[in-house]
Amino acid sequence: MKIYTKTGDKGTTALFGGTRVPKHHIRIDSYGTVDELNSHLGLIRDQNINNHYKDVLIDIQDKLFTVGAILATDPEKATLKNGKDRLNIPKISEADITQLEQEMDTMNEALPPMTHFVLPGGHQTVSFCHIARCVCRRAERLASALNDLEPFQPESLTYLNRLSDYLFVLARKLSHDLQAEEVKWIPKKES
């Protein structure tokens, strides 16, 4: 199978269902940013971190492929008139969202309470988490804008929101595990 198809040479691409749209369409930008986020999570997973976090990240990466598939689907071709899923696209469940919340709760139990904003950094692995968190927020903003135009499964948007929170808590937990300094942001008073 050849990787190149030449069908996108004129600046369009196909959604699931076959509809062609410009490559700069917000739907493409949305799932492209989810793909970028997934690559950043692979980078975090490649670090020397606890295997439990690696397993959770693999599960999250799987769920991001689901979110990407949902975002890449032409909503008019996704369902039949009787409401059934025509293209058999998987969905994000409430259990997927709950899993992120439970993971955050568990990590937070081992962390000191937050009293200030934290500057990103302190260790390369922690910085990778903060970059992934920012990309996740961008994916969420793009998906939210798309949802205003062409609504899709609401749990997908919730999942992205919760995932950015998870990545922040993971950054804090890895700072703790790696004994990296967490630098608090304390606004400087004008002199």
Protein backbone atom coordinates (compact mmCIF):
# COMPACT_ATOMS: atom_id res chain seq x y z
CA MET A 1 0.00 0.00 0.00
CA LYS A 2 1.39 3.38 -0.97
CA ILE A 3 1.36 6.13 1.63
CA TYR A 4 0.86 8.86 -0.92
CA THR A 5 -2.44 9.03 -2.79
CA LYS A 6 -2.05 12.41 -4.52
CA THR A 7 -5.74 13.10 -3.77
CA GLY A 8 -4.80 15.99 -1.49
CA ASP A 9 -2.45 17.72 -3.90
CA LYS A 10 -4.94 20.50 -4.54
CA GLY A 11 -5.44 21.32 -0.85
CA THR A 12 -8.41 19.13 0.04
CA THR A 13 -8.78 16.00 2.12
CA ALA A 14 -11.51 13.42 2.72
CA LEU A 15 -13.47 13.04 5.93
CA PHE A 16 -14.81 9.68 7.11
CA GLY A 17 -17.80 9.22 4.85
CA GLY A 18 -15.98 10.55 1.79
CA THR A 19 -16.85 14.26 1.90
CA ARG A 20 -13.91 16.38 0.71
CA VAL A 21 -13.09 19.61 2.53
CA PRO A 22 -10.22 22.13 2.38
CA LYS A 23 -7.22 21.13 4.48
CA HIS A 24 -7.59 24.40 6.39
CA HIS A 25 -11.17 23.53 7.46
CA ILE A 26 -11.72 23.82 11.23
CA ARG A 27 -12.62 20.12 11.35
CA ILE A 28 -9.18 19.23 9.94
CA ASP A 29 -7.47 21.68 12.29
CA SER A 30 -9.38 20.11 15.22
CA TYR A 31 -8.44 16.50 14.60
CA GLY A 32 -4.96 17.50 13.43
CA THR A 33 -4.37 19.16 16.80
CA VAL A 34 -5.66 16.04 18.58
CA ASP A 35 -3.11 14.07 16.53
CA GLU A 36 -0.38 16.52 17.56
CA LEU A 37 -1.42 16.06 21.20
CA ASN A 38 -1.26 12.28 20.78
CA SER A 39 2.33 12.59 19.54
CA HIS A 40 3.28 14.68 22.57
CA LEU A 41 1.78 12.01 24.83
CA GLY A 42 3.99 9.45 23.09
CA LEU A 43 6.98 11.62 23.97
CA ILE A 44 5.93 11.68 27.64
CA ARG A 45 5.40 7.92 27.58
CA ASP A 46 8.93 7.47 26.23
CA GLN A 47 10.38 9.11 29.35
CA ASN A 48 11.67 7.27 32.41
CA ILE A 49 8.39 7.39 34.35
CA ASN A 50 6.32 4.95 36.39
CA ASN A 51 4.82 2.15 34.28
CA HIS A 52 1.35 2.95 35.62
CA TYR A 53 1.53 6.41 34.01
CA LYS A 54 2.72 4.82 30.78
CA ASP A 55 -0.26 2.44 30.81
CA VAL A 56 -2.68 5.30 31.46
CA LEU A 57 -1.08 7.32 28.64
CA ILE A 58 -1.49 4.39 26.22
CA ASP A 59 -5.17 4.25 27.13
CA ILE A 60 -5.47 8.03 26.65
CA GLN A 61 -3.75 7.78 23.27
CA ASP A 62 -6.30 5.15 22.26
CA LYS A 63 -9.13 7.47 23.37
CA LEU A 64 -7.59 10.35 21.39
CA PHE A 65 -7.80 8.21 18.25
CA THR A 66 -11.51 7.85 19.06
CA VAL A 67 -11.86 11.63 19.52
CA GLY A 68 -9.98 12.14 16.26
CA ALA A 69 -12.30 9.74 14.44
CA ILE A 70 -15.34 11.56 15.79
CA LEU A 71 -13.93 14.91 14.69
CA ALA A 72 -12.96 13.50 11.27
CA THR A 73 -16.47 12.27 10.51
CA ASP A 74 -18.87 14.16 8.28
CA PRO A 75 -21.84 14.58 10.64
CA GLU A 76 -24.33 14.25 7.77
CA LYS A 77 -22.92 10.85 6.82
CA ALA A 78 -22.29 9.55 10.33
CA THR A 79 -25.82 8.46 11.16
CA LEU A 80 -28.69 6.84 9.34
CA LYS A 81 -32.17 8.32 9.53
CA ASN A 82 -33.07 5.97 12.39
CA GLY A 83 -30.27 7.49 14.52
CA LYS A 84 -27.89 4.54 14.30
CA ASP A 85 -24.16 5.06 13.76
CA ARG A 86 -23.68 4.36 10.07
CA LEU A 87 -19.88 4.41 10.04
CA ASN A 88 -19.49 2.48 13.32
CA ILE A 89 -17.31 5.19 14.90
CA PRO A 90 -16.46 4.42 18.55
CA LYS A 91 -17.58 6.88 21.22
CA ILE A 92 -16.10 8.42 24.35
CA SER A 93 -17.96 7.21 27.43
CA GLU A 94 -18.64 8.72 30.83
CA ALA A 95 -16.37 5.94 32.18
CA ASP A 96 -13.48 7.31 30.09
CA ILE A 97 -13.97 10.74 31.70
CA THR A 98 -14.34 9.22 35.17
CA GLN A 99 -11.06 7.32 34.70
CA LEU A 100 -9.20 10.62 34.20
CA GLU A 101 -10.89 12.08 37.28
CA GLN A 102 -9.97 9.05 39.40
CA GLU A 103 -6.35 9.18 38.21
CA MET A 104 -6.18 12.87 39.14
CA ASP A 105 -7.69 12.21 42.56
CA THR A 106 -5.13 9.48 43.24
CA MET A 107 -2.19 11.65 42.17
CA ASN A 108 -3.46 14.64 44.14
CA GLU A 109 -3.47 12.62 47.36
CA ALA A 110 0.35 12.51 47.22
CA LEU A 111 0.80 16.21 46.40
CA PRO A 112 0.93 19.28 48.58
CA PRO A 113 -2.05 21.60 48.09
CA MET A 114 -1.69 24.21 45.37
CA THR A 115 -1.41 27.72 46.74
CA HIS A 116 -0.08 29.47 43.62
CA PHE A 117 0.13 29.07 39.89
CA VAL A 118 3.17 27.01 38.89
CA LEU A 119 5.67 28.00 36.21
CA PRO A 120 6.14 25.22 33.63
CA GLY A 121 9.51 23.52 33.88
CA GLY A 122 11.78 22.02 36.49
CA HIS A 123 12.52 18.83 34.58
CA GLN A 124 12.36 17.90 30.89
CA THR A 125 9.64 15.31 31.46
CA VAL A 126 7.54 17.83 33.40
CA SER A 127 7.99 20.35 30.59
CA PHE A 128 6.75 17.77 28.07
CA CYS A 129 3.58 17.43 30.19
CA HIS A 130 3.04 21.19 30.19
CA ILE A 131 3.50 21.37 26.41
CA ALA A 132 0.99 18.53 25.98
CA ARG A 133 -1.42 20.36 28.32
CA CYS A 134 -1.21 23.50 26.18
CA VAL A 135 -1.73 21.53 22.96
CA CYS A 136 -4.70 19.82 24.62
CA ARG A 137 -6.22 23.22 25.47
CA ARG A 138 -5.75 24.31 21.85
CA ALA A 139 -7.42 21.10 20.65
CA GLU A 140 -10.28 21.80 23.03
CA ARG A 141 -10.67 25.40 21.77
CA LEU A 142 -10.73 24.23 18.15
CA ALA A 143 -13.14 21.38 18.92
CA SER A 144 -15.39 23.78 20.82
CA ALA A 145 -15.49 26.14 17.83
CA LEU A 146 -16.27 23.19 15.54
CA ASN A 147 -19.00 22.02 17.92
CA ASP A 148 -20.66 25.45 17.64
CA LEU A 149 -20.82 24.98 13.86
CA GLU A 150 -21.44 21.23 13.61
CA PRO A 151 -22.24 19.56 16.95
CA PHE A 152 -20.65 16.20 17.71
CA GLN A 153 -20.64 13.80 20.66
CA PRO A 154 -20.49 16.05 23.77
CA GLU A 155 -18.42 13.58 25.81
CA SER A 156 -15.55 14.10 23.37
CA LEU A 157 -15.34 17.77 24.27
CA THR A 158 -15.62 16.96 27.98
CA TYR A 159 -12.82 14.40 27.60
CA LEU A 160 -10.46 17.00 26.12
CA ASN A 161 -11.28 19.39 28.94
CA ARG A 162 -10.64 16.77 31.60
CA LEU A 163 -7.48 15.59 29.83
CA SER A 164 -5.85 19.01 30.06
CA ASP A 165 -6.52 18.95 33.80
CA TYR A 166 -5.06 15.44 34.00
CA LEU A 167 -1.89 16.58 32.21
CA PHE A 168 -1.47 19.45 34.68
CA VAL A 169 -1.81 17.11 37.65
CA LEU A 170 0.53 14.59 35.98
CA ALA A 171 3.11 17.38 35.56
CA ARG A 172 2.84 18.19 39.26
CA LYS A 173 3.04 14.50 40.23
CA LEU A 174 6.07 13.93 38.03
CA SER A 175 7.71 17.01 39.57
CA HIS A 176 7.13 15.36 42.94
CA ASP A 177 8.33 11.91 41.79
CA LEU A 178 11.43 13.32 40.06
CA GLN A 179 12.15 15.67 42.97
CA ALA A 180 12.08 18.62 40.58
CA GLU A 181 11.55 22.09 41.92
CA GLU A 182 8.06 23.45 41.41
CA VAL A 183 8.49 27.20 40.93
CA LYS A 184 5.49 29.18 42.14
CA TRP A 185 4.37 32.19 40.18
CA ILE A 186 4.21 35.08 42.58
CA PRO A 187 3.35 38.33 40.82
CA LYS A 188 5.99 40.99 41.39
CA LYS A 189 4.79 44.22 42.91
CA GLU A 190 5.58 47.37 41.02
CA SER A 191 8.24 49.49 42.68
